[in-house]
């Protein structure tokens, strides 16, 4: 039996959304009740590379590897309604706080389109400061994968979805 979403009233759809979010949280796939894209990205990178997730209150890093390197994990899920590849705001980028940005672009269905690990210096050199939000913006464009020292980790992050 397949659930026909189009037959559900808006409150029923929202209840279903809430239930799915809670189940994802119970399974350890997401850590918050926010949009699951960021939590899912952190989960996949940590699973793929054996990193340890930082606490929810960690300011600049989301994960730590066994060698002691710190990773800021960012993601974007472009859709047919919004194709932007701008990652969420990066706070205090000019102050450091991480060694690498681990970035992933998801398809609309949450499958992994592309993933990369980008050295901090390249992120800083290619991000722009937004005074209004006191943060930095960075776009995970296709050209990022051509930059020197950027590691394409699409295969490893895709494999973590299994």
N, C-alpha and C. Protein backbone atom coordinates (compact mmCIF):
# COMPACT_ATOMS: atom_id res chain seq x y z
N UNK A 1 0.84 -1.19 0.00
CA UNK A 1 0.00 0.00 0.00
C UNK A 1 0.89 1.25 0.00
N UNK A 2 0.65 2.12 -0.90
CA UNK A 2 1.44 3.35 -1.02
C UNK A 2 0.62 4.53 -0.53
N UNK A 3 1.24 5.36 0.30
CA UNK A 3 0.57 6.54 0.84
C UNK A 3 0.42 7.59 -0.26
N UNK A 4 -0.79 8.08 -0.46
CA UNK A 4 -1.05 9.12 -1.44
C UNK A 4 -1.00 10.47 -0.75
N UNK A 5 0.15 11.13 -0.82
CA UNK A 5 0.32 12.42 -0.15
C UNK A 5 -0.69 13.45 -0.62
N UNK A 6 -1.05 13.39 -1.88
CA UNK A 6 -1.98 14.39 -2.43
C UNK A 6 -3.37 14.30 -1.79
N UNK A 7 -3.67 13.17 -1.17
CA UNK A 7 -4.99 13.02 -0.54
C UNK A 7 -5.02 13.54 0.90
N UNK A 8 -3.86 13.90 1.44
CA UNK A 8 -3.79 14.36 2.83
C UNK A 8 -4.03 15.86 2.93
N UNK A 9 -4.74 16.27 3.96
CA UNK A 9 -4.96 17.68 4.25
C UNK A 9 -3.66 18.28 4.81
N UNK A 10 -3.48 19.60 4.69
CA UNK A 10 -2.24 20.21 5.21
C UNK A 10 -1.89 19.83 6.65
N UNK A 11 -2.84 19.82 7.59
CA UNK A 11 -2.45 19.42 8.96
C UNK A 11 -1.93 17.97 9.02
N UNK A 12 -2.50 17.10 8.19
CA UNK A 12 -2.04 15.71 8.16
C UNK A 12 -0.62 15.62 7.59
N UNK A 13 -0.35 16.39 6.54
CA UNK A 13 1.00 16.42 5.98
C UNK A 13 2.01 16.92 7.01
N UNK A 14 1.65 17.96 7.74
CA UNK A 14 2.57 18.50 8.74
C UNK A 14 2.79 17.52 9.89
N UNK A 15 1.75 16.80 10.30
CA UNK A 15 1.91 15.77 11.34
C UNK A 15 2.85 14.67 10.84
N UNK A 16 2.68 14.27 9.60
CA UNK A 16 3.54 13.24 9.01
C UNK A 16 4.99 13.74 8.98
N UNK A 17 5.18 14.99 8.57
CA UNK A 17 6.51 15.59 8.54
C UNK A 17 7.13 15.56 9.94
N UNK A 18 6.36 15.93 10.95
CA UNK A 18 6.87 15.94 12.33
C UNK A 18 7.23 14.52 12.78
N UNK A 19 6.40 13.55 12.43
CA UNK A 19 6.67 12.15 12.82
C UNK A 19 7.93 11.63 12.14
N UNK A 20 8.10 11.95 10.89
CA UNK A 20 9.30 11.52 10.17
C UNK A 20 10.53 12.17 10.79
N UNK A 21 10.45 13.45 11.11
CA UNK A 21 11.57 14.14 11.76
C UNK A 21 11.93 13.49 13.08
N UNK A 22 10.94 13.14 13.86
CA UNK A 22 11.20 12.49 15.16
C UNK A 22 11.83 11.12 14.98
N UNK A 23 11.38 10.38 13.98
CA UNK A 23 11.96 9.05 13.73
C UNK A 23 13.41 9.17 13.26
N UNK A 24 13.70 10.15 12.41
CA UNK A 24 15.08 10.38 11.99
C UNK A 24 15.95 10.74 13.18
N UNK A 25 15.41 11.52 14.10
CA UNK A 25 16.15 11.90 15.31
C UNK A 25 16.38 10.67 16.20
N UNK A 26 15.36 9.84 16.37
CA UNK A 26 15.49 8.62 17.17
C UNK A 26 16.55 7.67 16.60
N UNK A 27 16.71 7.67 15.30
CA UNK A 27 17.70 6.80 14.64
C UNK A 27 19.09 7.42 14.62
N UNK A 28 19.23 8.65 15.09
CA UNK A 28 20.53 9.31 15.14
C UNK A 28 20.97 9.90 13.82
N UNK A 29 20.07 10.02 12.87
CA UNK A 29 20.41 10.57 11.56
C UNK A 29 20.42 12.09 11.59
N UNK A 30 19.49 12.69 12.34
CA UNK A 30 19.48 14.13 12.56
C UNK A 30 19.58 14.37 14.06
N UNK A 31 20.08 15.56 14.44
CA UNK A 31 20.28 15.86 15.86
C UNK A 31 19.38 16.97 16.36
N UNK A 32 18.60 17.55 15.49
CA UNK A 32 17.75 18.66 15.90
C UNK A 32 16.41 18.54 15.21
N UNK A 33 15.55 19.47 15.52
CA UNK A 33 14.24 19.51 14.86
C UNK A 33 14.22 20.54 13.73
N UNK A 34 15.40 21.00 13.35
CA UNK A 34 15.52 21.97 12.26
C UNK A 34 15.42 21.27 10.92
N UNK A 35 15.57 22.03 9.85
CA UNK A 35 15.65 21.47 8.52
C UNK A 35 16.70 20.35 8.54
N UNK A 36 16.40 19.16 8.05
CA UNK A 36 17.32 18.03 8.20
C UNK A 36 18.55 18.06 7.30
N UNK A 37 18.64 18.98 6.37
CA UNK A 37 19.75 18.97 5.41
C UNK A 37 21.11 19.05 6.11
N UNK A 38 21.28 19.99 7.02
CA UNK A 38 22.56 20.15 7.70
C UNK A 38 22.90 18.98 8.59
N UNK A 39 21.95 18.51 9.38
CA UNK A 39 22.19 17.36 10.24
C UNK A 39 22.52 16.12 9.43
N UNK A 40 21.80 15.91 8.32
CA UNK A 40 22.05 14.75 7.47
C UNK A 40 23.47 14.81 6.89
N UNK A 41 23.90 15.99 6.47
CA UNK A 41 25.26 16.14 5.94
C UNK A 41 26.30 15.78 7.00
N UNK A 42 26.12 16.27 8.22
CA UNK A 42 27.05 15.94 9.31
C UNK A 42 27.08 14.43 9.56
N UNK A 43 25.91 13.83 9.61
CA UNK A 43 25.81 12.38 9.81
C UNK A 43 26.58 11.62 8.72
N UNK A 44 26.37 11.99 7.46
CA UNK A 44 27.02 11.28 6.35
C UNK A 44 28.53 11.43 6.38
N UNK A 45 29.03 12.64 6.59
CA UNK A 45 30.48 12.83 6.64
C UNK A 45 31.09 12.05 7.80
N UNK A 46 30.47 12.10 8.96
CA UNK A 46 31.01 11.38 10.12
C UNK A 46 30.98 9.87 9.89
N UNK A 47 29.93 9.38 9.28
CA UNK A 47 29.84 7.95 8.97
C UNK A 47 30.87 7.56 7.92
N UNK A 48 31.02 8.37 6.90
CA UNK A 48 31.94 8.06 5.81
C UNK A 48 33.40 8.03 6.25
N UNK A 49 33.77 8.93 7.17
CA UNK A 49 35.18 9.08 7.53
C UNK A 49 35.51 8.73 8.98
N UNK A 50 34.52 8.31 9.75
CA UNK A 50 34.76 7.95 11.13
C UNK A 50 35.04 9.13 12.03
N UNK A 51 34.57 10.31 11.65
CA UNK A 51 34.75 11.50 12.46
C UNK A 51 33.81 11.46 13.66
N UNK A 52 34.13 12.26 14.66
CA UNK A 52 33.28 12.42 15.83
C UNK A 52 32.53 13.74 15.70
N UNK A 53 31.22 13.69 15.86
CA UNK A 53 30.45 14.93 15.79
C UNK A 53 30.71 15.78 17.03
N UNK A 54 30.86 17.07 16.79
CA UNK A 54 31.01 18.02 17.90
C UNK A 54 29.65 18.19 18.56
N UNK A 55 29.63 18.70 19.76
CA UNK A 55 28.37 18.98 20.44
C UNK A 55 27.57 20.03 19.71
N UNK A 56 26.27 20.05 19.94
CA UNK A 56 25.40 21.02 19.27
C UNK A 56 25.80 22.46 19.53
N UNK A 57 26.48 22.70 20.64
CA UNK A 57 26.85 24.07 20.99
C UNK A 57 28.22 24.47 20.45
N UNK A 58 28.94 23.57 19.77
CA UNK A 58 30.25 23.91 19.23
C UNK A 58 30.09 25.05 18.23
N UNK A 59 30.96 26.05 18.35
CA UNK A 59 30.77 27.29 17.59
C UNK A 59 31.21 27.19 16.12
N UNK A 60 32.41 26.70 15.86
CA UNK A 60 32.94 26.77 14.50
C UNK A 60 33.17 25.43 13.83
N UNK A 61 33.17 24.36 14.59
CA UNK A 61 33.45 23.05 14.01
C UNK A 61 32.30 22.10 14.30
N UNK A 62 32.01 21.25 13.32
CA UNK A 62 30.93 20.27 13.46
C UNK A 62 31.45 18.87 13.72
N UNK A 63 32.73 18.64 13.37
CA UNK A 63 33.28 17.30 13.49
C UNK A 63 34.79 17.35 13.69
N UNK A 64 35.30 16.26 14.22
CA UNK A 64 36.73 16.12 14.53
C UNK A 64 37.18 14.75 14.05
N UNK A 65 38.32 14.71 13.35
CA UNK A 65 38.86 13.42 12.91
C UNK A 65 39.89 12.93 13.93
N UNK A 66 40.31 11.68 13.78
CA UNK A 66 41.23 11.09 14.75
C UNK A 66 42.59 11.78 14.76
N UNK A 67 42.94 12.48 13.67
CA UNK A 67 44.21 13.20 13.61
C UNK A 67 44.11 14.59 14.24
N UNK A 68 42.91 14.94 14.74
CA UNK A 68 42.74 16.22 15.42
C UNK A 68 42.31 17.37 14.52
N UNK A 69 42.07 17.11 13.24
CA UNK A 69 41.61 18.18 12.34
C UNK A 69 40.12 18.46 12.57
N UNK A 70 39.77 19.75 12.51
CA UNK A 70 38.39 20.19 12.72
C UNK A 70 37.71 20.47 11.39
N UNK A 71 36.45 20.07 11.29
CA UNK A 71 35.68 20.22 10.05
C UNK A 71 34.40 21.01 10.32
N UNK A 72 34.16 22.00 9.47
CA UNK A 72 32.87 22.69 9.42
C UNK A 72 32.11 22.00 8.30
N UNK A 73 30.93 21.47 8.58
CA UNK A 73 30.15 20.76 7.57
C UNK A 73 29.03 21.67 7.09
N UNK A 74 28.95 21.82 5.78
CA UNK A 74 27.91 22.66 5.17
C UNK A 74 27.28 21.90 4.01
N UNK A 75 26.03 22.21 3.75
CA UNK A 75 25.34 21.51 2.66
C UNK A 75 24.30 22.43 2.03
N UNK A 76 23.83 21.97 0.89
CA UNK A 76 22.76 22.69 0.21
C UNK A 76 21.95 21.66 -0.58
N UNK A 77 20.66 21.86 -0.62
CA UNK A 77 19.75 21.01 -1.39
C UNK A 77 19.00 21.90 -2.38
N UNK A 78 19.61 22.15 -3.54
CA UNK A 78 18.90 22.95 -4.54
C UNK A 78 17.63 22.22 -4.99
N UNK A 79 16.63 23.00 -5.32
CA UNK A 79 15.37 22.42 -5.80
C UNK A 79 14.96 23.11 -7.09
N UNK A 80 13.91 22.63 -7.66
CA UNK A 80 13.41 23.26 -8.89
C UNK A 80 12.90 24.67 -8.60
N UNK A 81 12.62 24.97 -7.33
CA UNK A 81 12.13 26.29 -6.94
C UNK A 81 13.25 27.24 -6.52
N UNK A 82 14.40 26.68 -6.14
CA UNK A 82 15.53 27.50 -5.71
C UNK A 82 16.82 26.73 -6.00
N UNK A 83 17.52 27.13 -7.03
CA UNK A 83 18.70 26.40 -7.47
C UNK A 83 20.00 26.93 -6.86
N UNK A 84 19.91 27.83 -5.91
CA UNK A 84 21.11 28.42 -5.30
C UNK A 84 22.00 27.35 -4.66
N UNK A 85 23.29 27.58 -4.75
CA UNK A 85 24.26 26.69 -4.11
C UNK A 85 25.01 27.42 -3.00
N UNK A 86 24.40 28.51 -2.52
CA UNK A 86 24.98 29.24 -1.39
C UNK A 86 24.76 28.41 -0.13
N UNK A 87 25.86 28.16 0.58
CA UNK A 87 25.77 27.41 1.82
C UNK A 87 25.23 28.30 2.93
N UNK A 88 24.83 27.69 4.03
CA UNK A 88 24.35 28.50 5.15
C UNK A 88 25.49 29.37 5.68
N UNK A 89 25.12 30.38 6.42
CA UNK A 89 26.07 31.37 6.92
C UNK A 89 27.22 30.72 7.68
N UNK A 90 28.41 31.23 7.44
CA UNK A 90 29.60 30.80 8.19
C UNK A 90 29.95 31.94 9.14
N UNK A 91 29.87 31.68 10.39
CA UNK A 91 30.15 32.70 11.42
C UNK A 91 31.65 32.73 11.74
N UNK A 92 32.18 33.93 11.99
CA UNK A 92 33.56 34.12 12.44
C UNK A 92 34.60 33.42 11.56
N UNK A 93 34.35 33.35 10.27
CA UNK A 93 35.28 32.68 9.36
C UNK A 93 36.68 33.26 9.46
N UNK A 94 36.78 34.56 9.60
CA UNK A 94 38.09 35.21 9.67
C UNK A 94 38.86 34.87 10.94
N UNK A 95 38.21 34.25 11.90
CA UNK A 95 38.87 33.88 13.17
C UNK A 95 39.30 32.42 13.19
N UNK A 96 39.10 31.72 12.09
CA UNK A 96 39.48 30.30 12.04
C UNK A 96 38.42 29.45 12.72
N UNK A 97 38.87 28.48 13.47
CA UNK A 97 37.93 27.61 14.18
C UNK A 97 37.73 26.26 13.53
N UNK A 98 38.18 26.11 12.29
CA UNK A 98 38.15 24.81 11.63
C UNK A 98 39.28 24.75 10.61
N UNK A 99 39.64 23.52 10.24
CA UNK A 99 40.74 23.30 9.29
C UNK A 99 40.23 23.08 7.87
N UNK A 100 39.05 22.48 7.76
CA UNK A 100 38.48 22.15 6.45
C UNK A 100 36.98 22.37 6.48
N UNK A 101 36.44 22.74 5.31
CA UNK A 101 35.01 22.76 5.13
C UNK A 101 34.65 21.48 4.37
N UNK A 102 33.75 20.71 4.93
CA UNK A 102 33.23 19.52 4.26
C UNK A 102 31.88 19.90 3.69
N UNK A 103 31.77 19.93 2.38
CA UNK A 103 30.55 20.42 1.74
C UNK A 103 29.91 19.37 0.86
N UNK A 104 28.59 19.37 0.85
CA UNK A 104 27.85 18.43 0.01
C UNK A 104 26.67 19.13 -0.63
N UNK A 105 26.43 18.79 -1.88
CA UNK A 105 25.25 19.23 -2.60
C UNK A 105 24.35 18.01 -2.75
N UNK A 106 23.12 18.15 -2.25
CA UNK A 106 22.14 17.08 -2.37
C UNK A 106 21.24 17.33 -3.57
N UNK A 107 20.71 16.26 -4.13
CA UNK A 107 19.64 16.37 -5.11
C UNK A 107 18.35 16.64 -4.35
N UNK A 108 17.31 16.94 -5.08
CA UNK A 108 16.03 17.24 -4.44
C UNK A 108 15.54 16.09 -3.56
N UNK A 109 15.87 14.86 -3.92
CA UNK A 109 15.42 13.69 -3.15
C UNK A 109 16.39 13.29 -2.04
N UNK A 110 17.34 14.17 -1.71
CA UNK A 110 18.35 13.98 -0.66
C UNK A 110 19.46 13.00 -1.04
N UNK A 111 19.54 12.60 -2.29
CA UNK A 111 20.69 11.79 -2.69
C UNK A 111 21.88 12.73 -2.87
N UNK A 112 23.08 12.18 -2.72
CA UNK A 112 24.30 12.99 -2.79
C UNK A 112 24.66 13.24 -4.25
N UNK A 113 24.70 14.51 -4.60
CA UNK A 113 25.10 14.89 -5.96
C UNK A 113 26.62 15.03 -6.05
N UNK A 114 27.20 15.84 -5.14
CA UNK A 114 28.64 16.06 -5.09
C UNK A 114 29.05 16.38 -3.67
N UNK A 115 30.27 15.98 -3.31
CA UNK A 115 30.79 16.29 -1.99
C UNK A 115 32.28 16.58 -2.10
N UNK A 116 32.76 17.48 -1.25
CA UNK A 116 34.17 17.87 -1.30
C UNK A 116 34.65 18.26 0.10
N UNK A 117 35.95 18.13 0.28
CA UNK A 117 36.61 18.65 1.48
C UNK A 117 37.55 19.75 1.01
N UNK A 118 37.35 20.95 1.56
CA UNK A 118 38.02 22.16 1.08
C UNK A 118 38.85 22.76 2.20
N UNK A 119 40.14 23.00 1.96
CA UNK A 119 40.98 23.61 3.00
C UNK A 119 40.44 24.99 3.42
N UNK A 120 40.61 25.29 4.68
CA UNK A 120 40.14 26.55 5.27
C UNK A 120 40.61 27.76 4.46
N UNK A 121 41.89 27.80 4.08
CA UNK A 121 42.43 28.96 3.37
C UNK A 121 41.68 29.25 2.07
N UNK A 122 41.27 28.19 1.37
CA UNK A 122 40.52 28.38 0.13
C UNK A 122 39.12 28.90 0.40
N UNK A 123 38.51 28.43 1.48
CA UNK A 123 37.19 28.93 1.85
C UNK A 123 37.27 30.42 2.17
N UNK A 124 38.24 30.79 3.00
CA UNK A 124 38.40 32.19 3.39
C UNK A 124 38.66 33.07 2.17
N UNK A 125 39.50 32.62 1.25
CA UNK A 125 39.85 33.41 0.07
C UNK A 125 38.68 33.57 -0.90
N UNK A 126 37.70 32.66 -0.84
CA UNK A 126 36.61 32.67 -1.82
C UNK A 126 35.24 32.98 -1.23
N UNK A 127 35.20 33.27 0.04
CA UNK A 127 33.94 33.64 0.70
C UNK A 127 33.85 35.16 0.74
N UNK A 128 32.66 35.67 0.90
CA UNK A 128 32.50 37.11 1.03
C UNK A 128 31.73 37.43 2.31
N UNK A 129 32.16 38.51 2.93
CA UNK A 129 31.58 38.94 4.20
C UNK A 129 30.27 39.68 3.94
N UNK A 130 29.26 39.38 4.74
CA UNK A 130 27.96 40.05 4.65
C UNK A 130 27.74 40.79 5.96
N UNK A 131 27.93 42.11 5.90
CA UNK A 131 27.85 42.92 7.12
C UNK A 131 26.48 42.83 7.79
N UNK A 132 25.43 42.81 7.01
CA UNK A 132 24.08 42.80 7.55
C UNK A 132 23.84 41.61 8.49
N UNK A 133 24.42 40.46 8.17
CA UNK A 133 24.24 39.26 8.99
C UNK A 133 25.47 38.92 9.83
N UNK A 134 26.52 39.72 9.69
CA UNK A 134 27.77 39.47 10.41
C UNK A 134 28.24 38.03 10.19
N UNK A 135 28.24 37.64 8.92
CA UNK A 135 28.64 36.28 8.57
C UNK A 135 29.27 36.28 7.18
N UNK A 136 29.74 35.13 6.79
CA UNK A 136 30.38 34.96 5.49
C UNK A 136 29.53 34.04 4.64
N UNK A 137 29.48 34.33 3.33
CA UNK A 137 28.76 33.43 2.42
C UNK A 137 29.75 32.77 1.48
N UNK A 138 29.44 31.52 1.17
CA UNK A 138 30.29 30.71 0.31
C UNK A 138 29.38 29.87 -0.58
N UNK A 139 29.71 29.83 -1.87
CA UNK A 139 28.94 29.06 -2.84
C UNK A 139 29.71 27.79 -3.20
N UNK A 140 29.03 26.68 -3.15
CA UNK A 140 29.63 25.40 -3.51
C UNK A 140 29.34 25.13 -4.99
N UNK A 141 30.01 25.95 -5.83
CA UNK A 141 29.85 25.85 -7.28
C UNK A 141 30.67 24.67 -7.82
N UNK A 142 30.34 24.21 -9.01
CA UNK A 142 31.07 23.09 -9.62
C UNK A 142 32.56 23.38 -9.75
N UNK A 143 32.94 24.64 -9.94
CA UNK A 143 34.35 24.99 -10.11
C UNK A 143 35.19 24.71 -8.86
N UNK A 144 34.55 24.61 -7.69
CA UNK A 144 35.28 24.33 -6.44
C UNK A 144 36.06 23.02 -6.56
N UNK A 145 35.48 22.04 -7.22
CA UNK A 145 36.14 20.73 -7.34
C UNK A 145 37.41 20.79 -8.19
N UNK A 146 37.60 21.87 -8.94
CA UNK A 146 38.81 22.04 -9.76
C UNK A 146 39.92 22.78 -9.02
N UNK A 147 39.64 23.32 -7.85
CA UNK A 147 40.65 24.07 -7.10
C UNK A 147 41.73 23.13 -6.59
N UNK A 148 42.97 23.64 -6.49
CA UNK A 148 44.05 22.81 -5.93
C UNK A 148 43.74 22.46 -4.48
N UNK A 149 44.10 21.26 -4.09
CA UNK A 149 43.97 20.77 -2.71
C UNK A 149 42.53 20.50 -2.26
N UNK A 150 41.56 20.62 -3.17
CA UNK A 150 40.19 20.23 -2.84
C UNK A 150 40.06 18.74 -3.15
N UNK A 151 39.51 18.01 -2.19
CA UNK A 151 39.36 16.57 -2.33
C UNK A 151 37.91 16.25 -2.68
N UNK A 152 37.72 15.57 -3.81
CA UNK A 152 36.39 15.11 -4.20
C UNK A 152 36.08 13.84 -3.41
N UNK A 153 35.10 13.91 -2.54
CA UNK A 153 34.74 12.77 -1.67
C UNK A 153 33.31 12.30 -1.96
N UNK A 154 32.85 12.57 -3.15
CA UNK A 154 31.49 12.21 -3.52
C UNK A 154 31.24 10.72 -3.33
N UNK A 155 32.14 9.88 -3.79
CA UNK A 155 31.96 8.44 -3.69
C UNK A 155 31.84 7.97 -2.24
N UNK A 156 32.70 8.49 -1.37
CA UNK A 156 32.67 8.08 0.04
C UNK A 156 31.39 8.54 0.74
N UNK A 157 30.95 9.76 0.45
CA UNK A 157 29.75 10.28 1.11
C UNK A 157 28.51 9.57 0.57
N UNK A 158 28.49 9.28 -0.73
CA UNK A 158 27.37 8.49 -1.29
C UNK A 158 27.28 7.12 -0.63
N UNK A 159 28.43 6.49 -0.44
CA UNK A 159 28.45 5.16 0.16
C UNK A 159 27.91 5.17 1.59
N UNK A 160 28.05 6.29 2.28
CA UNK A 160 27.57 6.39 3.67
C UNK A 160 26.04 6.42 3.72
N UNK A 161 25.39 6.64 2.60
CA UNK A 161 23.92 6.66 2.56
C UNK A 161 23.33 5.26 2.73
N UNK A 162 24.11 4.25 2.47
CA UNK A 162 23.59 2.87 2.55
C UNK A 162 23.39 2.43 3.98
